[in-house]
Amino acid sequence: MLFIEYPKCSTCQKAKKWLEDRGIEFTDRHIIEENPTAEELRAWLEKSGMDIKRFFNTSGMKYRELGLKDKLPSMSIDDMIELLSGDGMLVKRPVLVGEGFVLTGFREKEWENILPEK
């Protein structure tokens, strides 16, 4: 599994601890040092079946600075992927990518349903 995080993010810290407490193995990746690529984002979008807007960090400063709340509705998916792949701070985190699933953000119940305890 691939766990993409911003280490200073408290939600990412909680999610990481949750995974570790359950003995779930993962590869850790810093979202700023190694931002998701456009190809990865396309693959995750398809695998997840989620709306692309779920990949945006809507509570982030960068999202607000760029006025994306008003701009996203008229943007193409390609333009949105370009934005996300250009700046890790725009991506909802953590992102957990596993066999057959992609999760954005940390909602414990959702994670429990997909990753039952061993």
PDB file of N, CA and C in Angstrom:
ATOM      1  N   MET A   1       0.841  -1.181   0.000  1.00  0.00           N
ATOM      2  CA  MET A   1       0.000   0.000   0.000  1.00  0.00           C
ATOM      3  C   MET A   1       0.884   1.241   0.000  1.00  0.00           C
ATOM      4  N   LEU A   2       0.381   2.274  -0.592  1.00  0.00           N
ATOM      5  CA  LEU A   2       1.093   3.545  -0.650  1.00  0.00           C
ATOM      6  C   LEU A   2       0.336   4.557   0.207  1.00  0.00           C
ATOM      7  N   PHE A   3       1.051   5.154   1.167  1.00  0.00           N
ATOM      8  CA  PHE A   3       0.474   6.157   2.065  1.00  0.00           C
ATOM      9  C   PHE A   3       1.147   7.486   1.745  1.00  0.00           C
ATOM     10  N   ILE A   4       0.368   8.425   1.204  1.00  0.00           N
ATOM     11  CA  ILE A   4       0.917   9.726   0.827  1.00  0.00           C
ATOM     12  C   ILE A   4       0.460  10.738   1.854  1.00  0.00           C
ATOM     13  N   GLU A   5       1.424  11.431   2.440  1.00  0.00           N
ATOM     14  CA  GLU A   5       1.114  12.324   3.553  1.00  0.00           C
ATOM     15  C   GLU A   5       1.937  13.611   3.515  1.00  0.00           C
ATOM     16  N   TYR A   6       1.458  14.560   4.285  1.00  0.00           N
ATOM     17  CA  TYR A   6       2.232  15.748   4.624  1.00  0.00           C
ATOM     18  C   TYR A   6       2.523  15.569   6.112  1.00  0.00           C
ATOM     19  N   PRO A   7       3.775  15.270   6.493  1.00  0.00           N
ATOM     20  CA  PRO A   7       4.085  14.886   7.871  1.00  0.00           C
ATOM     21  C   PRO A   7       3.630  15.857   8.964  1.00  0.00           C
ATOM     22  N   LYS A   8       3.501  17.143   8.649  1.00  0.00           N
ATOM     23  CA  LYS A   8       3.075  18.113   9.662  1.00  0.00           C
ATOM     24  C   LYS A   8       1.556  18.124   9.854  1.00  0.00           C
ATOM     25  N   CYS A   9       0.820  17.442   8.982  1.00  0.00           N
ATOM     26  CA  CYS A   9      -0.638  17.409   9.013  1.00  0.00           C
ATOM     27  C   CYS A   9      -1.112  16.471  10.130  1.00  0.00           C
ATOM     28  N   SER A  10      -1.916  16.992  11.052  1.00  0.00           N
ATOM     29  CA  SER A  10      -2.375  16.179  12.186  1.00  0.00           C
ATOM     30  C   SER A  10      -3.266  15.025  11.730  1.00  0.00           C
ATOM     31  N   THR A  11      -4.051  15.222  10.693  1.00  0.00           N
ATOM     32  CA  THR A  11      -4.894  14.144  10.173  1.00  0.00           C
ATOM     33  C   THR A  11      -4.027  13.024   9.597  1.00  0.00           C
ATOM     34  N   CYS A  12      -2.959  13.388   8.908  1.00  0.00           N
ATOM     35  CA  CYS A  12      -2.027  12.392   8.365  1.00  0.00           C
ATOM     36  C   CYS A  12      -1.358  11.625   9.502  1.00  0.00           C
ATOM     37  N   GLN A  13      -0.984  12.331  10.565  1.00  0.00           N
ATOM     38  CA  GLN A  13      -0.355  11.686  11.714  1.00  0.00           C
ATOM     39  C   GLN A  13      -1.300  10.670  12.353  1.00  0.00           C
ATOM     40  N   LYS A  14      -2.583  11.048  12.495  1.00  0.00           N
ATOM     41  CA  LYS A  14      -3.583  10.133  13.065  1.00  0.00           C
ATOM     42  C   LYS A  14      -3.754   8.903  12.186  1.00  0.00           C
ATOM     43  N   ALA A  15      -3.839   9.125  10.871  1.00  0.00           N
ATOM     44  CA  ALA A  15      -4.028   8.014   9.930  1.00  0.00           C
ATOM     45  C   ALA A  15      -2.831   7.069   9.964  1.00  0.00           C
ATOM     46  N   LYS A  16      -1.642   7.630  10.016  1.00  0.00           N
ATOM     47  CA  LYS A  16      -0.423   6.813  10.042  1.00  0.00           C
ATOM     48  C   LYS A  16      -0.382   5.960  11.308  1.00  0.00           C
ATOM     49  N   LYS A  17      -0.707   6.564  12.433  1.00  0.00           N
ATOM     50  CA  LYS A  17      -0.744   5.835  13.707  1.00  0.00           C
ATOM     51  C   LYS A  17      -1.798   4.728  13.635  1.00  0.00           C
ATOM     52  N   TRP A  18      -2.944   5.022  13.049  1.00  0.00           N
ATOM     53  CA  TRP A  18      -4.027   4.052  12.903  1.00  0.00           C
ATOM     54  C   TRP A  18      -3.538   2.834  12.119  1.00  0.00           C
ATOM     55  N   LEU A  19      -2.831   3.081  11.014  1.00  0.00           N
ATOM     56  CA  LEU A  19      -2.283   1.991  10.201  1.00  0.00           C
ATOM     57  C   LEU A  19      -1.250   1.187  10.995  1.00  0.00           C
ATOM     58  N   GLU A  20      -0.339   1.895  11.658  1.00  0.00           N
ATOM     59  CA  GLU A  20       0.720   1.238  12.429  1.00  0.00           C
ATOM     60  C   GLU A  20       0.136   0.412  13.570  1.00  0.00           C
ATOM     61  N   ASP A  21      -0.865   0.957  14.271  1.00  0.00           N
ATOM     62  CA  ASP A  21      -1.496   0.242  15.388  1.00  0.00           C
ATOM     63  C   ASP A  21      -2.139  -1.061  14.932  1.00  0.00           C
ATOM     64  N   ARG A  22      -2.525  -1.134  13.681  1.00  0.00           N
ATOM     65  CA  ARG A  22      -3.171  -2.327  13.136  1.00  0.00           C
ATOM     66  C   ARG A  22      -2.193  -3.243  12.405  1.00  0.00           C
ATOM     67  N   GLY A  23      -0.930  -2.861  12.423  1.00  0.00           N
ATOM     68  CA  GLY A  23       0.088  -3.692  11.785  1.00  0.00           C
ATOM     69  C   GLY A  23      -0.035  -3.741  10.270  1.00  0.00           C
ATOM     70  N   ILE A  24      -0.600  -2.701   9.701  1.00  0.00           N
ATOM     71  CA  ILE A  24      -0.779  -2.649   8.249  1.00  0.00           C
ATOM     72  C   ILE A  24       0.486  -2.071   7.618  1.00  0.00           C
ATOM     73  N   GLU A  25       1.066  -2.822   6.710  1.00  0.00           N
ATOM     74  CA  GLU A  25       2.303  -2.382   6.071  1.00  0.00           C
ATOM     75  C   GLU A  25       2.003  -1.409   4.935  1.00  0.00           C
ATOM     76  N   PHE A  26       2.844  -0.394   4.816  1.00  0.00           N
ATOM     77  CA  PHE A  26       2.670   0.607   3.770  1.00  0.00           C
ATOM     78  C   PHE A  26       4.000   1.258   3.445  1.00  0.00           C
ATOM     79  N   THR A  27       4.045   1.844   2.273  1.00  0.00           N
ATOM     80  CA  THR A  27       5.187   2.662   1.863  1.00  0.00           C
ATOM     81  C   THR A  27       4.760   4.109   2.069  1.00  0.00           C
ATOM     82  N   ASP A  28       5.602   4.856   2.749  1.00  0.00           N
ATOM     83  CA  ASP A  28       5.312   6.242   3.092  1.00  0.00           C
ATOM     84  C   ASP A  28       5.906   7.178   2.035  1.00  0.00           C
ATOM     85  N   ARG A  29       5.147   8.198   1.674  1.00  0.00           N
ATOM     86  CA  ARG A  29       5.638   9.168   0.679  1.00  0.00           C
ATOM     87  C   ARG A  29       5.216  10.580   1.078  1.00  0.00           C
ATOM     88  N   HIS A  30       6.172  11.493   1.075  1.00  0.00           N
ATOM     89  CA  HIS A  30       5.953  12.908   1.424  1.00  0.00           C
ATOM     90  C   HIS A  30       5.348  13.613   0.203  1.00  0.00           C
ATOM     91  N   ILE A  31       4.163  14.177   0.376  1.00  0.00           N
ATOM     92  CA  ILE A  31       3.405  14.747  -0.748  1.00  0.00           C
ATOM     93  C   ILE A  31       4.065  15.976  -1.378  1.00  0.00           C
ATOM     94  N   ILE A  32       4.896  16.681  -0.618  1.00  0.00           N
ATOM     95  CA  ILE A  32       5.570  17.858  -1.174  1.00  0.00           C
ATOM     96  C   ILE A  32       6.845  17.442  -1.913  1.00  0.00           C
ATOM     97  N   GLU A  33       7.594  16.513  -1.308  1.00  0.00           N
ATOM     98  CA  GLU A  33       8.845  16.066  -1.921  1.00  0.00           C
ATOM     99  C   GLU A  33       8.595  15.234  -3.173  1.00  0.00           C
ATOM    100  N   GLU A  34       7.489  14.490  -3.183  1.00  0.00           N
ATOM    101  CA  GLU A  34       7.157  13.664  -4.334  1.00  0.00           C
ATOM    102  C   GLU A  34       5.659  13.761  -4.596  1.00  0.00           C
ATOM    103  N   ASN A  35       5.289  14.837  -5.271  1.00  0.00           N
ATOM    104  CA  ASN A  35       3.884  15.120  -5.568  1.00  0.00           C
ATOM    105  C   ASN A  35       3.313  14.051  -6.500  1.00  0.00           C
ATOM    106  N   PRO A  36       2.035  13.698  -6.311  1.00  0.00           N
ATOM    107  CA  PRO A  36       1.429  12.756  -7.260  1.00  0.00           C
ATOM    108  C   PRO A  36       1.520  13.287  -8.692  1.00  0.00           C
ATOM    109  N   THR A  37       1.825  12.408  -9.614  1.00  0.00           N
ATOM    110  CA  THR A  37       1.915  12.801 -11.022  1.00  0.00           C
ATOM    111  C   THR A  37       0.520  12.793 -11.646  1.00  0.00           C
ATOM    112  N   ALA A  38       0.410  13.407 -12.795  1.00  0.00           N
ATOM    113  CA  ALA A  38      -0.867  13.412 -13.518  1.00  0.00           C
ATOM    114  C   ALA A  38      -1.291  11.982 -13.847  1.00  0.00           C
ATOM    115  N   GLU A  39      -0.329  11.134 -14.213  1.00  0.00           N
ATOM    116  CA  GLU A  39      -0.637   9.737 -14.542  1.00  0.00           C
ATOM    117  C   GLU A  39      -1.170   9.001 -13.323  1.00  0.00           C
ATOM    118  N   GLU A  40      -0.520   9.206 -12.167  1.00  0.00           N
ATOM    119  CA  GLU A  40      -0.999   8.565 -10.931  1.00  0.00           C
ATOM    120  C   GLU A  40      -2.409   9.040 -10.595  1.00  0.00           C
ATOM    121  N   LEU A  41      -2.615  10.333 -10.676  1.00  0.00           N
ATOM    122  CA  LEU A  41      -3.929  10.889 -10.341  1.00  0.00           C
ATOM    123  C   LEU A  41      -5.022  10.332 -11.246  1.00  0.00           C
ATOM    124  N   ARG A  42      -4.734  10.209 -12.521  1.00  0.00           N
ATOM    125  CA  ARG A  42      -5.714   9.623 -13.459  1.00  0.00           C
ATOM    126  C   ARG A  42      -6.042   8.182 -13.063  1.00  0.00           C
ATOM    127  N   ALA A  43      -5.004   7.417 -12.749  1.00  0.00           N
ATOM    128  CA  ALA A  43      -5.198   6.013 -12.370  1.00  0.00           C
ATOM    129  C   ALA A  43      -5.990   5.912 -11.064  1.00  0.00           C
ATOM    130  N   TRP A  44      -5.668   6.764 -10.092  1.00  0.00           N
ATOM    131  CA  TRP A  44      -6.358   6.731  -8.797  1.00  0.00           C
ATOM    132  C   TRP A  44      -7.812   7.158  -8.947  1.00  0.00           C
ATOM    133  N   LEU A  45      -8.027   8.135  -9.785  1.00  0.00           N
ATOM    134  CA  LEU A  45      -9.387   8.615 -10.022  1.00  0.00           C
ATOM    135  C   LEU A  45     -10.242   7.480 -10.598  1.00  0.00           C
ATOM    136  N   GLU A  46      -9.687   6.796 -11.574  1.00  0.00           N
ATOM    137  CA  GLU A  46     -10.408   5.687 -12.197  1.00  0.00           C
ATOM    138  C   GLU A  46     -10.627   4.546 -11.198  1.00  0.00           C
ATOM    139  N   LYS A  47      -9.576   4.200 -10.450  1.00  0.00           N
ATOM    140  CA  LYS A  47      -9.651   3.097  -9.488  1.00  0.00           C
ATOM    141  C   LYS A  47     -10.634   3.391  -8.365  1.00  0.00           C
ATOM    142  N   SER A  48     -10.679   4.637  -7.926  1.00  0.00           N
ATOM    143  CA  SER A  48     -11.512   5.009  -6.774  1.00  0.00           C
ATOM    144  C   SER A  48     -12.991   5.132  -7.118  1.00  0.00           C
ATOM    145  N   GLY A  49     -13.263   5.531  -8.364  1.00  0.00           N
ATOM    146  CA  GLY A  49     -14.643   5.790  -8.746  1.00  0.00           C
ATOM    147  C   GLY A  49     -15.198   7.071  -8.117  1.00  0.00           C
ATOM    148  N   MET A  50     -14.332   7.850  -7.473  1.00  0.00           N
ATOM    149  CA  MET A  50     -14.755   9.090  -6.808  1.00  0.00           C
ATOM    150  C   MET A  50     -14.793  10.252  -7.786  1.00  0.00           C
ATOM    151  N   ASP A  51     -15.540  11.265  -7.404  1.00  0.00           N
ATOM    152  CA  ASP A  51     -15.530  12.532  -8.129  1.00  0.00           C
ATOM    153  C   ASP A  51     -14.156  13.162  -7.908  1.00  0.00           C
ATOM    154  N   ILE A  52     -13.600  13.758  -8.924  1.00  0.00           N
ATOM    155  CA  ILE A  52     -12.262  14.356  -8.805  1.00  0.00           C
ATOM    156  C   ILE A  52     -12.204  15.419  -7.695  1.00  0.00           C
ATOM    157  N   LYS A  53     -13.319  16.045  -7.402  1.00  0.00           N
ATOM    158  CA  LYS A  53     -13.316  17.082  -6.359  1.00  0.00           C
ATOM    159  C   LYS A  53     -12.931  16.516  -4.993  1.00  0.00           C
ATOM    160  N   ARG A  54     -13.115  15.209  -4.793  1.00  0.00           N
ATOM    161  CA  ARG A  54     -12.726  14.580  -3.520  1.00  0.00           C
ATOM    162  C   ARG A  54     -11.210  14.512  -3.369  1.00  0.00           C
ATOM    163  N   PHE A  55     -10.480  14.776  -4.443  1.00  0.00           N
ATOM    164  CA  PHE A  55      -9.019  14.768  -4.384  1.00  0.00           C
ATOM    165  C   PHE A  55      -8.458  16.144  -3.997  1.00  0.00           C
ATOM    166  N   PHE A  56      -9.313  17.149  -3.920  1.00  0.00           N
ATOM    167  CA  PHE A  56      -8.864  18.499  -3.573  1.00  0.00           C
ATOM    168  C   PHE A  56      -8.933  18.741  -2.076  1.00  0.00           C
ATOM    169  N   ASN A  57      -7.894  19.383  -1.557  1.00  0.00           N
ATOM    170  CA  ASN A  57      -7.844  19.786  -0.151  1.00  0.00           C
ATOM    171  C   ASN A  57      -8.610  21.110  -0.026  1.00  0.00           C
ATOM    172  N   THR A  58      -9.917  21.001   0.119  1.00  0.00           N
ATOM    173  CA  THR A  58     -10.774  22.195   0.101  1.00  0.00           C
ATOM    174  C   THR A  58     -10.605  23.074   1.336  1.00  0.00           C
ATOM    175  N   SER A  59      -9.968  22.554   2.377  1.00  0.00           N
ATOM    176  CA  SER A  59      -9.760  23.388   3.566  1.00  0.00           C
ATOM    177  C   SER A  59      -8.369  24.016   3.589  1.00  0.00           C
ATOM    178  N   GLY A  60      -7.587  23.772   2.548  1.00  0.00           N
ATOM    179  CA  GLY A  60      -6.229  24.314   2.504  1.00  0.00           C
ATOM    180  C   GLY A  60      -6.171  25.776   2.079  1.00  0.00           C
ATOM    181  N   MET A  61      -5.115  26.444   2.520  1.00  0.00           N
ATOM    182  CA  MET A  61      -4.917  27.862   2.181  1.00  0.00           C
ATOM    183  C   MET A  61      -4.756  28.050   0.685  1.00  0.00           C
ATOM    184  N   LYS A  62      -4.018  27.150   0.053  1.00  0.00           N
ATOM    185  CA  LYS A  62      -3.746  27.261  -1.382  1.00  0.00           C
ATOM    186  C   LYS A  62      -5.064  27.201  -2.180  1.00  0.00           C
ATOM    187  N   TYR A  63      -5.964  26.310  -1.774  1.00  0.00           N
ATOM    188  CA  TYR A  63      -7.268  26.152  -2.423  1.00  0.00           C
ATOM    189  C   TYR A  63      -8.032  27.474  -2.365  1.00  0.00           C
ATOM    190  N   ARG A  64      -8.024  28.094  -1.187  1.00  0.00           N
ATOM    191  CA  ARG A  64      -8.733  29.368  -1.007  1.00  0.00           C
ATOM    192  C   ARG A  64      -8.032  30.506  -1.761  1.00  0.00           C
ATOM    193  N   GLU A  65      -6.699  30.536  -1.685  1.00  0.00           N
ATOM    194  CA  GLU A  65      -5.930  31.590  -2.379  1.00  0.00           C
ATOM    195  C   GLU A  65      -6.234  31.607  -3.878  1.00  0.00           C
ATOM    196  N   LEU A  66      -6.354  30.415  -4.449  1.00  0.00           N
ATOM    197  CA  LEU A  66      -6.590  30.314  -5.893  1.00  0.00           C
ATOM    198  C   LEU A  66      -8.070  30.451  -6.268  1.00  0.00           C
ATOM    199  N   GLY A  67      -8.924  30.573  -5.263  1.00  0.00           N
ATOM    200  CA  GLY A  67     -10.355  30.724  -5.524  1.00  0.00           C
ATOM    201  C   GLY A  67     -10.952  29.521  -6.246  1.00  0.00           C
ATOM    202  N   LEU A  68     -10.483  28.334  -5.897  1.00  0.00           N
ATOM    203  CA  LEU A  68     -10.888  27.141  -6.636  1.00  0.00           C
ATOM    204  C   LEU A  68     -12.349  26.753  -6.425  1.00  0.00           C
ATOM    205  N   LYS A  69     -12.929  27.166  -5.322  1.00  0.00           N
ATOM    206  CA  LYS A  69     -14.343  26.846  -5.089  1.00  0.00           C
ATOM    207  C   LYS A  69     -15.191  27.345  -6.273  1.00  0.00           C
ATOM    208  N   ASP A  70     -14.860  28.528  -6.756  1.00  0.00           N
ATOM    209  CA  ASP A  70     -15.610  29.119  -7.865  1.00  0.00           C
ATOM    210  C   ASP A  70     -15.107  28.655  -9.232  1.00  0.00           C
ATOM    211  N   LYS A  71     -13.830  28.275  -9.309  1.00  0.00           N
ATOM    212  CA  LYS A  71     -13.242  27.918 -10.609  1.00  0.00           C
ATOM    213  C   LYS A  71     -13.461  26.454 -11.007  1.00  0.00           C
ATOM    214  N   LEU A  72     -13.458  25.545 -10.021  1.00  0.00           N
ATOM    215  CA  LEU A  72     -13.534  24.109 -10.349  1.00  0.00           C
ATOM    216  C   LEU A  72     -14.751  23.719 -11.189  1.00  0.00           C
ATOM    217  N   PRO A  73     -15.956  24.248 -10.888  1.00  0.00           N
ATOM    218  CA  PRO A  73     -17.121  23.808 -11.659  1.00  0.00           C
ATOM    219  C   PRO A  73     -16.993  23.989 -13.177  1.00  0.00           C
ATOM    220  N   SER A  74     -16.216  24.956 -13.606  1.00  0.00           N
ATOM    221  CA  SER A  74     -16.091  25.188 -15.048  1.00  0.00           C
ATOM    222  C   SER A  74     -14.797  24.627 -15.638  1.00  0.00           C
ATOM    223  N   MET A  75     -14.003  23.941 -14.816  1.00  0.00           N
ATOM    224  CA  MET A  75     -12.734  23.388 -15.299  1.00  0.00           C
ATOM    225  C   MET A  75     -12.924  21.972 -15.837  1.00  0.00           C
ATOM    226  N   SER A  76     -12.090  21.600 -16.790  1.00  0.00           N
ATOM    227  CA  SER A  76     -12.102  20.229 -17.300  1.00  0.00           C
ATOM    228  C   SER A  76     -11.348  19.325 -16.322  1.00  0.00           C
ATOM    229  N   ILE A  77     -11.580  18.037 -16.425  1.00  0.00           N
ATOM    230  CA  ILE A  77     -10.868  17.082 -15.566  1.00  0.00           C
ATOM    231  C   ILE A  77      -9.366  17.172 -15.824  1.00  0.00           C
ATOM    232  N   ASP A  78      -8.976  17.342 -17.087  1.00  0.00           N
ATOM    233  CA  ASP A  78      -7.551  17.475 -17.407  1.00  0.00           C
ATOM    234  C   ASP A  78      -6.933  18.679 -16.705  1.00  0.00           C
ATOM    235  N   ASP A  79      -7.659  19.799 -16.689  1.00  0.00           N
ATOM    236  CA  ASP A  79      -7.152  20.997 -16.003  1.00  0.00           C
ATOM    237  C   ASP A  79      -7.053  20.766 -14.495  1.00  0.00           C
ATOM    238  N   MET A  80      -8.021  20.071 -13.932  1.00  0.00           N
ATOM    239  CA  MET A  80      -7.990  19.782 -12.489  1.00  0.00           C
ATOM    240  C   MET A  80      -6.823  18.866 -12.143  1.00  0.00           C
ATOM    241  N   ILE A  81      -6.596  17.855 -12.971  1.00  0.00           N
ATOM    242  CA  ILE A  81      -5.474  16.939 -12.743  1.00  0.00           C
ATOM    243  C   ILE A  81      -4.160  17.689 -12.862  1.00  0.00           C
ATOM    244  N   GLU A  82      -4.074  18.594 -13.820  1.00  0.00           N
ATOM    245  CA  GLU A  82      -2.871  19.417 -13.991  1.00  0.00           C
ATOM    246  C   GLU A  82      -2.600  20.244 -12.730  1.00  0.00           C
ATOM    247  N   LEU A  83      -3.649  20.845 -12.183  1.00  0.00           N
ATOM    248  CA  LEU A  83      -3.525  21.624 -10.944  1.00  0.00           C
ATOM    249  C   LEU A  83      -3.029  20.750  -9.792  1.00  0.00           C
ATOM    250  N   LEU A  84      -3.682  19.608  -9.597  1.00  0.00           N
ATOM    251  CA  LEU A  84      -3.326  18.709  -8.499  1.00  0.00           C
ATOM    252  C   LEU A  84      -1.903  18.185  -8.630  1.00  0.00           C
ATOM    253  N   SER A  85      -1.504  17.858  -9.844  1.00  0.00           N
ATOM    254  CA  SER A  85      -0.157  17.308 -10.043  1.00  0.00           C
ATOM    255  C   SER A  85       0.915  18.388  -9.935  1.00  0.00           C
ATOM    256  N   GLY A  86       0.514  19.631  -9.985  1.00  0.00           N
ATOM    257  CA  GLY A  86       1.471  20.728  -9.897  1.00  0.00           C
ATOM    258  C   GLY A  86       1.760  21.215  -8.488  1.00  0.00           C
ATOM    259  N   ASP A  87       0.922  20.829  -7.528  1.00  0.00           N
ATOM    260  CA  ASP A  87       1.106  21.320  -6.159  1.00  0.00           C
ATOM    261  C   ASP A  87       0.475  20.353  -5.160  1.00  0.00           C
ATOM    262  N   GLY A  88       1.344  19.648  -4.423  1.00  0.00           N
ATOM    263  CA  GLY A  88       0.886  18.665  -3.438  1.00  0.00           C
ATOM    264  C   GLY A  88      -0.020  19.243  -2.362  1.00  0.00           C
ATOM    265  N   MET A  89       0.109  20.543  -2.101  1.00  0.00           N
ATOM    266  CA  MET A  89      -0.716  21.146  -1.053  1.00  0.00           C
ATOM    267  C   MET A  89      -2.183  21.268  -1.483  1.00  0.00           C
ATOM    268  N   LEU A  90      -2.465  21.086  -2.759  1.00  0.00           N
ATOM    269  CA  LEU A  90      -3.849  21.119  -3.233  1.00  0.00           C
ATOM    270  C   LEU A  90      -4.542  19.756  -3.086  1.00  0.00           C
ATOM    271  N   VAL A  91      -3.740  18.711  -2.847  1.00  0.00           N
ATOM    272  CA  VAL A  91      -4.274  17.346  -2.783  1.00  0.00           C
ATOM    273  C   VAL A  91      -4.781  17.032  -1.377  1.00  0.00           C
ATOM    274  N   LYS A  92      -5.982  16.479  -1.316  1.00  0.00           N
ATOM    275  CA  LYS A  92      -6.567  16.029  -0.051  1.00  0.00           C
ATOM    276  C   LYS A  92      -5.674  14.931   0.502  1.00  0.00           C
ATOM    277  N   ARG A  93      -5.327  15.052   1.759  1.00  0.00           N
ATOM    278  CA  ARG A  93      -4.418  14.079   2.343  1.00  0.00           C
ATOM    279  C   ARG A  93      -4.929  13.594   3.692  1.00  0.00           C
ATOM    280  N   PRO A  94      -4.460  12.430   4.085  1.00  0.00           N
ATOM    281  CA  PRO A  94      -3.586  11.530   3.359  1.00  0.00           C
ATOM    282  C   PRO A  94      -4.314  10.857   2.199  1.00  0.00           C
ATOM    283  N   VAL A  95      -3.515  10.267   1.327  1.00  0.00           N
ATOM    284  CA  VAL A  95      -4.054   9.435   0.250  1.00  0.00           C
ATOM    285  C   VAL A  95      -3.519   8.032   0.520  1.00  0.00           C
ATOM    286  N   LEU A  96      -4.410   7.065   0.522  1.00  0.00           N
ATOM    287  CA  LEU A  96      -3.999   5.676   0.722  1.00  0.00           C
ATOM    288  C   LEU A  96      -4.410   4.896  -0.520  1.00  0.00           C
ATOM    289  N   VAL A  97      -3.414   4.306  -1.167  1.00  0.00           N
ATOM    290  CA  VAL A  97      -3.650   3.558  -2.402  1.00  0.00           C
ATOM    291  C   VAL A  97      -3.304   2.100  -2.146  1.00  0.00           C
ATOM    292  N   GLY A  98      -4.293   1.249  -2.348  1.00  0.00           N
ATOM    293  CA  GLY A  98      -4.073  -0.178  -2.146  1.00  0.00           C
ATOM    294  C   GLY A  98      -4.609  -0.977  -3.306  1.00  0.00           C
ATOM    295  N   GLU A  99      -4.580  -2.269  -3.153  1.00  0.00           N
ATOM    296  CA  GLU A  99      -5.090  -3.184  -4.176  1.00  0.00           C
ATOM    297  C   GLU A  99      -6.588  -2.975  -4.321  1.00  0.00           C
ATOM    298  N   GLY A 100      -7.000  -2.329  -5.404  1.00  0.00           N
ATOM    299  CA  GLY A 100      -8.422  -2.175  -5.670  1.00  0.00           C
ATOM    300  C   GLY A 100      -9.120  -1.012  -4.979  1.00  0.00           C
ATOM    301  N   PHE A 101      -8.373  -0.133  -4.309  1.00  0.00           N
ATOM    302  CA  PHE A 101      -9.017   1.011  -3.664  1.00  0.00           C
ATOM    303  C   PHE A 101      -8.085   2.214  -3.557  1.00  0.00           C
ATOM    304  N   VAL A 102      -8.715   3.388  -3.419  1.00  0.00           N
ATOM    305  CA  VAL A 102      -8.007   4.636  -3.152  1.00  0.00           C
ATOM    306  C   VAL A 102      -8.852   5.389  -2.133  1.00  0.00           C
ATOM    307  N   LEU A 103      -8.221   5.856  -1.062  1.00  0.00           N
ATOM    308  CA  LEU A 103      -8.919   6.642  -0.043  1.00  0.00           C
ATOM    309  C   LEU A 103      -8.257   8.008   0.061  1.00  0.00           C
ATOM    310  N   THR A 104      -9.076   9.054   0.155  1.00  0.00           N
ATOM    311  CA  THR A 104      -8.535  10.401   0.366  1.00  0.00           C
ATOM    312  C   THR A 104      -9.070  10.912   1.688  1.00  0.00           C
ATOM    313  N   GLY A 105      -8.209  11.587   2.449  1.00  0.00           N
ATOM    314  CA  GLY A 105      -8.611  12.039   3.767  1.00  0.00           C
ATOM    315  C   GLY A 105      -8.669  10.842   4.706  1.00  0.00           C
ATOM    316  N   PHE A 106      -8.856  11.096   5.993  1.00  0.00           N
ATOM    317  CA  PHE A 106      -8.921  10.009   6.966  1.00  0.00           C
ATOM    318  C   PHE A 106     -10.258  10.054   7.677  1.00  0.00           C
ATOM    319  N   ARG A 107     -11.116   9.126   7.269  1.00  0.00           N
ATOM    320  CA  ARG A 107     -12.385   8.922   7.959  1.00  0.00           C
ATOM    321  C   ARG A 107     -12.317   7.500   8.483  1.00  0.00           C
ATOM    322  N   GLU A 108     -12.132   7.386   9.800  1.00  0.00           N
ATOM    323  CA  GLU A 108     -11.831   6.092  10.417  1.00  0.00           C
ATOM    324  C   GLU A 108     -12.814   4.988  10.021  1.00  0.00           C
ATOM    325  N   LYS A 109     -14.108   5.262  10.030  1.00  0.00           N
ATOM    326  CA  LYS A 109     -15.116   4.248   9.681  1.00  0.00           C
ATOM    327  C   LYS A 109     -14.911   3.737   8.248  1.00  0.00           C
ATOM    328  N   GLU A 110     -14.648   4.671   7.337  1.00  0.00           N
ATOM    329  CA  GLU A 110     -14.420   4.296   5.941  1.00  0.00           C
ATOM    330  C   GLU A 110     -13.183   3.393   5.826  1.00  0.00           C
ATOM    331  N   TRP A 111     -12.128   3.758   6.543  1.00  0.00           N
ATOM    332  CA  TRP A 111     -10.898   2.972   6.500  1.00  0.00           C
ATOM    333  C   TRP A 111     -11.119   1.595   7.124  1.00  0.00           C
ATOM    334  N   GLU A 112     -11.877   1.523   8.234  1.00  0.00           N
ATOM    335  CA  GLU A 112     -12.167   0.251   8.889  1.00  0.00           C
ATOM    336  C   GLU A 112     -12.910  -0.693   7.950  1.00  0.00           C
ATOM    337  N   ASN A 113     -13.838  -0.142   7.159  1.00  0.00           N
ATOM    338  CA  ASN A 113     -14.605  -0.981   6.236  1.00  0.00           C
ATOM    339  C   ASN A 113     -13.723  -1.587   5.146  1.00  0.00           C
ATOM    340  N   ILE A 114     -12.699  -0.861   4.745  1.00  0.00           N
ATOM    341  CA  ILE A 114     -11.837  -1.333   3.666  1.00  0.00           C
ATOM    342  C   ILE A 114     -10.633  -2.100   4.192  1.00  0.00           C
ATOM    343  N   LEU A 115     -10.151  -1.703   5.381  1.00  0.00           N
ATOM    344  CA  LEU A 115      -8.963  -2.330   5.967  1.00  0.00           C
ATOM    345  C   LEU A 115      -9.297  -2.930   7.337  1.00  0.00           C
ATOM    346  N   PRO A 116      -9.978  -4.071   7.374  1.00  0.00           N
ATOM    347  CA  PRO A 116     -10.319  -4.654   8.677  1.00  0.00           C
ATOM    348  C   PRO A 116      -9.057  -5.059   9.450  1.00  0.00           C
ATOM    349  N   GLU A 117      -9.184  -5.077  10.774  1.00  0.00           N
ATOM    350  CA  GLU A 117      -8.039  -5.447  11.614  1.00  0.00           C
ATOM    351  C   GLU A 117      -7.611  -6.871  11.317  1.00  0.00           C
ATOM    352  N   LYS A 118      -6.323  -7.088  11.476  1.00  0.00           N
ATOM    353  CA  LYS A 118      -5.774  -8.446  11.218  1.00  0.00           C
ATOM    354  C   LYS A 118      -5.993  -9.320  12.423  1.00  0.00           C
TER     355      LYS A 118
END
